[in-house]
N, C-alpha and C. Protein backbone atom coordinates (compact mmCIF):
# COMPACT_ATOMS: atom_id res chain seq x y z
N UNK A 1 113.09 117.73 90.03
CA UNK A 1 112.00 118.04 89.74
C UNK A 1 111.22 116.79 90.26
N UNK A 2 110.27 117.16 91.00
CA UNK A 2 109.16 116.11 91.70
C UNK A 2 108.57 115.04 90.84
N UNK A 3 108.54 113.79 91.17
CA UNK A 3 107.74 113.03 90.40
C UNK A 3 106.27 113.34 90.27
N UNK A 4 105.63 113.19 89.38
CA UNK A 4 104.32 113.56 89.12
C UNK A 4 103.34 112.32 89.33
N UNK A 5 102.32 112.29 90.12
CA UNK A 5 101.43 111.15 90.24
C UNK A 5 100.09 111.39 89.39
N UNK A 6 99.78 110.35 88.76
CA UNK A 6 98.53 110.45 87.91
C UNK A 6 97.26 111.16 88.89
N UNK A 7 96.61 111.96 88.44
CA UNK A 7 95.27 112.13 89.10
C UNK A 7 94.30 111.15 88.86
N UNK A 8 93.61 110.87 90.16
CA UNK A 8 92.84 109.64 89.87
C UNK A 8 91.61 110.07 91.14
N UNK A 9 90.26 109.99 90.78
CA UNK A 9 89.37 110.28 91.55
C UNK A 9 88.90 108.81 92.23
N UNK A 10 89.79 107.80 92.15
CA UNK A 10 89.49 106.50 92.74
C UNK A 10 89.71 106.73 94.14
N UNK A 11 89.07 105.99 95.01
CA UNK A 11 89.17 105.79 96.38
C UNK A 11 87.96 106.39 97.08
N UNK A 12 88.35 105.88 98.52
CA UNK A 12 86.87 106.40 99.21
C UNK A 12 86.85 107.92 99.54
N UNK A 13 85.57 108.39 100.05
CA UNK A 13 85.76 109.64 100.44
C UNK A 13 86.23 109.60 101.91
N UNK A 14 86.98 110.87 102.39
CA UNK A 14 87.77 110.93 103.62
C UNK A 14 87.28 112.03 104.27
N UNK A 15 87.23 111.85 105.75
CA UNK A 15 86.91 112.88 106.78
C UNK A 15 87.69 112.79 108.01
N UNK A 16 88.61 113.82 107.93
CA UNK A 16 89.45 113.79 109.20
C UNK A 16 89.34 115.04 109.84
N UNK A 17 89.62 115.03 111.15
CA UNK A 17 89.64 116.16 112.07
C UNK A 17 91.28 116.64 112.35
N UNK A 18 91.21 117.95 111.72
CA UNK A 18 92.55 118.37 111.67
C UNK A 18 92.64 119.72 112.62
N UNK A 19 93.07 119.87 113.84
CA UNK A 19 92.87 120.74 114.81
C UNK A 19 91.49 121.08 115.10
N UNK A 20 91.21 122.34 115.02
CA UNK A 20 89.71 122.85 115.30
C UNK A 20 88.58 122.50 114.02
N UNK A 21 89.44 122.14 112.75
CA UNK A 21 88.56 122.18 111.91
C UNK A 21 88.21 120.54 111.16
N UNK A 22 87.05 120.39 110.53
CA UNK A 22 86.99 119.02 110.06
C UNK A 22 87.32 119.24 108.34
N UNK A 23 88.04 118.37 107.82
CA UNK A 23 88.40 118.40 106.53
C UNK A 23 87.97 117.13 105.65
N UNK A 24 87.27 117.35 104.69
CA UNK A 24 86.63 116.24 103.90
C UNK A 24 86.88 116.45 102.51
N UNK A 25 87.57 115.23 102.02
CA UNK A 25 87.97 115.05 100.69
C UNK A 25 87.15 114.15 99.90
N UNK A 26 86.66 114.59 98.51
CA UNK A 26 85.69 113.99 97.91
C UNK A 26 86.13 113.76 96.55
N UNK A 27 86.34 112.47 96.15
CA UNK A 27 87.16 112.09 94.82
C UNK A 27 85.87 112.76 93.84
N UNK A 28 86.69 113.00 92.76
CA UNK A 28 85.84 113.68 91.50
C UNK A 28 86.15 112.86 90.16
N UNK A 29 85.10 112.72 89.39
CA UNK A 29 85.30 111.84 88.12
C UNK A 29 86.09 112.03 87.32
N UNK A 30 86.49 113.45 87.20
CA UNK A 30 87.52 113.77 86.35
C UNK A 30 88.59 113.88 86.86
N UNK A 31 89.04 113.24 87.96
CA UNK A 31 90.34 113.30 88.79
C UNK A 31 90.50 114.36 89.55
N UNK A 32 91.19 114.10 90.62
CA UNK A 32 91.45 114.81 91.82
C UNK A 32 90.48 114.82 92.82
N UNK A 33 90.59 115.60 93.62
CA UNK A 33 89.56 115.47 94.77
C UNK A 33 89.21 117.02 95.19
N UNK A 34 87.82 117.17 95.63
CA UNK A 34 87.61 118.26 96.24
C UNK A 34 87.63 118.34 97.72
N UNK A 35 88.14 119.40 98.19
CA UNK A 35 88.78 119.57 99.46
C UNK A 35 87.91 120.45 100.01
N UNK A 36 86.98 120.19 101.39
CA UNK A 36 86.18 121.22 101.84
C UNK A 36 86.50 120.96 103.54
N UNK A 37 86.94 122.39 104.05
CA UNK A 37 87.18 122.45 105.27
C UNK A 37 86.08 123.23 106.05
N UNK A 38 85.56 122.82 107.22
CA UNK A 38 84.28 123.35 107.79
C UNK A 38 84.76 122.99 109.61
N UNK A 39 83.82 123.96 110.01
CA UNK A 39 83.81 123.77 111.57
C UNK A 39 82.99 122.74 112.01
N UNK A 40 82.80 122.64 113.32
CA UNK A 40 81.95 121.60 113.61
C UNK A 40 80.38 121.91 113.62
N UNK A 41 79.99 123.12 113.85
CA UNK A 41 78.83 123.89 113.66
C UNK A 41 78.32 123.47 112.22
N UNK A 42 79.23 123.77 111.27
CA UNK A 42 78.89 123.46 109.83
C UNK A 42 78.84 122.15 109.46
N UNK A 43 79.50 121.25 109.96
CA UNK A 43 79.56 119.79 109.84
C UNK A 43 78.01 119.26 110.20
N UNK A 44 77.68 119.72 111.33
CA UNK A 44 76.52 119.15 111.92
C UNK A 44 75.40 119.77 110.88
N UNK A 45 75.28 120.85 110.61
CA UNK A 45 74.25 121.40 109.70
C UNK A 45 74.28 120.66 108.21
N UNK A 46 75.49 120.14 107.82
CA UNK A 46 75.79 119.61 106.62
C UNK A 46 74.80 118.14 106.83
N UNK A 47 75.42 117.56 107.85
CA UNK A 47 74.81 116.20 108.22
C UNK A 47 73.39 116.39 108.22
N UNK A 48 72.62 117.33 108.74
CA UNK A 48 71.15 117.41 109.00
C UNK A 48 70.57 117.41 107.72
N UNK A 49 71.18 118.29 106.79
CA UNK A 49 70.72 118.53 105.42
C UNK A 49 70.77 117.15 104.72
N UNK A 50 72.02 116.39 104.75
CA UNK A 50 71.89 115.19 103.91
C UNK A 50 71.03 114.16 104.60
N UNK A 51 70.71 114.04 105.74
CA UNK A 51 69.73 113.04 106.12
C UNK A 51 68.39 113.56 105.83
N UNK A 52 68.12 114.74 105.77
CA UNK A 52 66.87 115.24 105.20
C UNK A 52 66.56 114.86 103.70
N UNK A 53 67.61 114.51 102.94
CA UNK A 53 67.44 114.07 101.56
C UNK A 53 66.95 112.46 101.29
């Protein structure tokens, strides 16, 4: 049986390039992480929307 690590939302948001995709990992308050995979066009659109806010 594998050792289980406690889920923690602590830590920074991470963004990495994996192959042709961009992967964003966002820590959540209840624990764990939200993982979003997108292409370069989607990332550029998301960046523009976030800057507009």
